[in-house]
Amino acid sequence: MAFLEISGLKKRFGAVDILKGIDLELEKGGFLVLVGPSGCG
């Protein structure tokens, strides 16, 4: 059983899709890192 579950996440800025159909599961005690193109996140 996931501690955190996200399904079908979408984000838009104006007419630009930034995120489209993102799914993820995070187990208790796990960690997640999001890194952007410049290495920041």
PDB file of N, CA and C in Angstrom:
ATOM      1  N   MET A   1       0.846  -1.187   0.000  1.00  0.00           N
ATOM      2  CA  MET A   1       0.000   0.000   0.000  1.00  0.00           C
ATOM      3  C   MET A   1       0.889   1.248   0.000  1.00  0.00           C
ATOM      4  N   ALA A   2       0.605   2.152  -0.902  1.00  0.00           N
ATOM      5  CA  ALA A   2       1.404   3.371  -1.047  1.00  0.00           C
ATOM      6  C   ALA A   2       1.072   4.378   0.056  1.00  0.00           C
ATOM      7  N   PHE A   3       2.095   5.068   0.541  1.00  0.00           N
ATOM      8  CA  PHE A   3       1.931   6.152   1.501  1.00  0.00           C
ATOM      9  C   PHE A   3       1.330   7.370   0.798  1.00  0.00           C
ATOM     10  N   LEU A   4       1.766   7.592  -0.448  1.00  0.00           N
ATOM     11  CA  LEU A   4       1.272   8.682  -1.279  1.00  0.00           C
ATOM     12  C   LEU A   4       1.094   8.150  -2.688  1.00  0.00           C
ATOM     13  N   GLU A   5      -0.057   8.412  -3.281  1.00  0.00           N
ATOM     14  CA  GLU A   5      -0.317   7.978  -4.653  1.00  0.00           C
ATOM     15  C   GLU A   5      -0.909   9.138  -5.442  1.00  0.00           C
ATOM     16  N   ILE A   6      -0.328   9.415  -6.604  1.00  0.00           N
ATOM     17  CA  ILE A   6      -0.814  10.464  -7.499  1.00  0.00           C
ATOM     18  C   ILE A   6      -1.076   9.818  -8.848  1.00  0.00           C
ATOM     19  N   SER A   7      -2.229  10.121  -9.423  1.00  0.00           N
ATOM     20  CA  SER A   7      -2.602   9.508 -10.699  1.00  0.00           C
ATOM     21  C   SER A   7      -3.163  10.565 -11.640  1.00  0.00           C
ATOM     22  N   GLY A   8      -2.594  10.659 -12.839  1.00  0.00           N
ATOM     23  CA  GLY A   8      -3.102  11.566 -13.865  1.00  0.00           C
ATOM     24  C   GLY A   8      -2.869  13.041 -13.593  1.00  0.00           C
ATOM     25  N   LEU A   9      -1.782  13.390 -12.914  1.00  0.00           N
ATOM     26  CA  LEU A   9      -1.480  14.787 -12.584  1.00  0.00           C
ATOM     27  C   LEU A   9      -1.244  15.600 -13.852  1.00  0.00           C
ATOM     28  N   LYS A  10      -1.869  16.781 -13.907  1.00  0.00           N
ATOM     29  CA  LYS A  10      -1.701  17.700 -15.037  1.00  0.00           C
ATOM     30  C   LYS A  10      -1.443  19.100 -14.506  1.00  0.00           C
ATOM     31  N   LYS A  11      -0.616  19.865 -15.217  1.00  0.00           N
ATOM     32  CA  LYS A  11      -0.376  21.269 -14.880  1.00  0.00           C
ATOM     33  C   LYS A  11      -0.132  22.030 -16.162  1.00  0.00           C
ATOM     34  N   ARG A  12      -0.798  23.165 -16.278  1.00  0.00           N
ATOM     35  CA  ARG A  12      -0.662  24.033 -17.452  1.00  0.00           C
ATOM     36  C   ARG A  12      -0.322  25.445 -17.026  1.00  0.00           C
ATOM     37  N   PHE A  13       0.471  26.124 -17.840  1.00  0.00           N
ATOM     38  CA  PHE A  13       0.698  27.555 -17.722  1.00  0.00           C
ATOM     39  C   PHE A  13       0.272  28.155 -19.046  1.00  0.00           C
ATOM     40  N   GLY A  14      -0.867  28.837 -19.045  1.00  0.00           N
ATOM     41  CA  GLY A  14      -1.420  29.353 -20.298  1.00  0.00           C
ATOM     42  C   GLY A  14      -1.770  28.206 -21.223  1.00  0.00           C
ATOM     43  N   ALA A  15      -1.211  28.218 -22.431  1.00  0.00           N
ATOM     44  CA  ALA A  15      -1.480  27.166 -23.415  1.00  0.00           C
ATOM     45  C   ALA A  15      -0.427  26.060 -23.393  1.00  0.00           C
ATOM     46  N   VAL A  16       0.519  26.125 -22.445  1.00  0.00           N
ATOM     47  CA  VAL A  16       1.629  25.168 -22.413  1.00  0.00           C
ATOM     48  C   VAL A  16       1.393  24.114 -21.331  1.00  0.00           C
ATOM     49  N   ASP A  17       1.384  22.836 -21.749  1.00  0.00           N
ATOM     50  CA  ASP A  17       1.311  21.732 -20.793  1.00  0.00           C
ATOM     51  C   ASP A  17       2.680  21.550 -20.154  1.00  0.00           C
ATOM     52  N   ILE A  18       2.755  21.691 -18.836  1.00  0.00           N
ATOM     53  CA  ILE A  18       4.004  21.499 -18.107  1.00  0.00           C
ATOM     54  C   ILE A  18       4.112  20.044 -17.648  1.00  0.00           C
ATOM     55  N   LEU A  19       3.047  19.531 -17.070  1.00  0.00           N
ATOM     56  CA  LEU A  19       2.953  18.127 -16.679  1.00  0.00           C
ATOM     57  C   LEU A  19       1.717  17.551 -17.338  1.00  0.00           C
ATOM     58  N   LYS A  20       1.809  16.307 -17.800  1.00  0.00           N
ATOM     59  CA  LYS A  20       0.673  15.699 -18.483  1.00  0.00           C
ATOM     60  C   LYS A  20       0.628  14.207 -18.181  1.00  0.00           C
ATOM     61  N   GLY A  21      -0.380  13.791 -17.403  1.00  0.00           N
ATOM     62  CA  GLY A  21      -0.581  12.375 -17.120  1.00  0.00           C
ATOM     63  C   GLY A  21       0.489  11.746 -16.243  1.00  0.00           C
ATOM     64  N   ILE A  22       0.944  12.448 -15.206  1.00  0.00           N
ATOM     65  CA  ILE A  22       1.986  11.929 -14.318  1.00  0.00           C
ATOM     66  C   ILE A  22       1.358  11.022 -13.259  1.00  0.00           C
ATOM     67  N   ASP A  23       1.895   9.813 -13.124  1.00  0.00           N
ATOM     68  CA  ASP A  23       1.480   8.857 -12.097  1.00  0.00           C
ATOM     69  C   ASP A  23       2.695   8.528 -11.240  1.00  0.00           C
ATOM     70  N   LEU A  24       2.508   8.445  -9.916  1.00  0.00           N
ATOM     71  CA  LEU A  24       3.591   8.003  -9.051  1.00  0.00           C
ATOM     72  C   LEU A  24       3.044   7.442  -7.758  1.00  0.00           C
ATOM     73  N   GLU A  25       3.825   6.557  -7.160  1.00  0.00           N
ATOM     74  CA  GLU A  25       3.528   5.995  -5.847  1.00  0.00           C
ATOM     75  C   GLU A  25       4.774   6.132  -4.991  1.00  0.00           C
ATOM     76  N   LEU A  26       4.583   6.537  -3.748  1.00  0.00           N
ATOM     77  CA  LEU A  26       5.688   6.670  -2.812  1.00  0.00           C
ATOM     78  C   LEU A  26       5.380   5.807  -1.602  1.00  0.00           C
ATOM     79  N   GLU A  27       6.275   4.891  -1.284  1.00  0.00           N
ATOM     80  CA  GLU A  27       6.110   4.018  -0.134  1.00  0.00           C
ATOM     81  C   GLU A  27       6.565   4.739   1.130  1.00  0.00           C
ATOM     82  N   LYS A  28       6.003   4.355   2.279  1.00  0.00           N
ATOM     83  CA  LYS A  28       6.397   4.943   3.551  1.00  0.00           C
ATOM     84  C   LYS A  28       7.890   4.704   3.769  1.00  0.00           C
ATOM     85  N   GLY A  29       8.616   5.744   4.131  1.00  0.00           N
ATOM     86  CA  GLY A  29      10.056   5.664   4.347  1.00  0.00           C
ATOM     87  C   GLY A  29      10.866   5.936   3.088  1.00  0.00           C
ATOM     88  N   GLY A  30      10.193   6.028   1.945  1.00  0.00           N
ATOM     89  CA  GLY A  30      10.882   6.321   0.689  1.00  0.00           C
ATOM     90  C   GLY A  30      11.042   7.820   0.508  1.00  0.00           C
ATOM     91  N   PHE A  31      11.733   8.215  -0.556  1.00  0.00           N
ATOM     92  CA  PHE A  31      11.857   9.638  -0.862  1.00  0.00           C
ATOM     93  C   PHE A  31      11.833   9.831  -2.366  1.00  0.00           C
ATOM     94  N   LEU A  32      11.515  11.041  -2.769  1.00  0.00           N
ATOM     95  CA  LEU A  32      11.369  11.388  -4.172  1.00  0.00           C
ATOM     96  C   LEU A  32      12.088  12.702  -4.421  1.00  0.00           C
ATOM     97  N   VAL A  33      12.812  12.780  -5.530  1.00  0.00           N
ATOM     98  CA  VAL A  33      13.512  14.004  -5.905  1.00  0.00           C
ATOM     99  C   VAL A  33      13.085  14.382  -7.313  1.00  0.00           C
ATOM    100  N   LEU A  34      12.659  15.607  -7.509  1.00  0.00           N
ATOM    101  CA  LEU A  34      12.342  16.136  -8.834  1.00  0.00           C
ATOM    102  C   LEU A  34      13.448  17.100  -9.222  1.00  0.00           C
ATOM    103  N   VAL A  35      14.066  16.862 -10.363  1.00  0.00           N
ATOM    104  CA  VAL A  35      15.185  17.689 -10.802  1.00  0.00           C
ATOM    105  C   VAL A  35      14.825  18.348 -12.121  1.00  0.00           C
ATOM    106  N   GLY A  36      14.973  19.655 -12.180  1.00  0.00           N
ATOM    107  CA  GLY A  36      14.689  20.402 -13.398  1.00  0.00           C
ATOM    108  C   GLY A  36      15.878  20.407 -14.345  1.00  0.00           C
ATOM    109  N   PRO A  37      15.722  21.049 -15.502  1.00  0.00           N
ATOM    110  CA  PRO A  37      16.770  21.047 -16.516  1.00  0.00           C
ATOM    111  C   PRO A  37      18.086  21.685 -16.056  1.00  0.00           C
ATOM    112  N   SER A  38      18.019  22.626 -15.132  1.00  0.00           N
ATOM    113  CA  SER A  38      19.249  23.271 -14.664  1.00  0.00           C
ATOM    114  C   SER A  38      19.844  22.553 -13.451  1.00  0.00           C
ATOM    115  N   GLY A  39      19.213  21.444 -13.033  1.00  0.00           N
ATOM    116  CA  GLY A  39      19.694  20.714 -11.863  1.00  0.00           C
ATOM    117  C   GLY A  39      19.017  21.140 -10.576  1.00  0.00           C
ATOM    118  N   CYS A  40      18.154  22.155 -10.646  1.00  0.00           N
ATOM    119  CA  CYS A  40      17.431  22.566  -9.448  1.00  0.00           C
ATOM    120  C   CYS A  40      16.118  21.797  -9.380  1.00  0.00           C
ATOM    121  N   GLY A  41      15.580  21.657  -8.193  1.00  0.00           N
ATOM    122  CA  GLY A  41      14.313  20.932  -8.103  1.00  0.00           C
ATOM    123  C   GLY A  41      13.838  20.830  -6.693  1.00  0.00           C
TER     124      GLY A  41
END
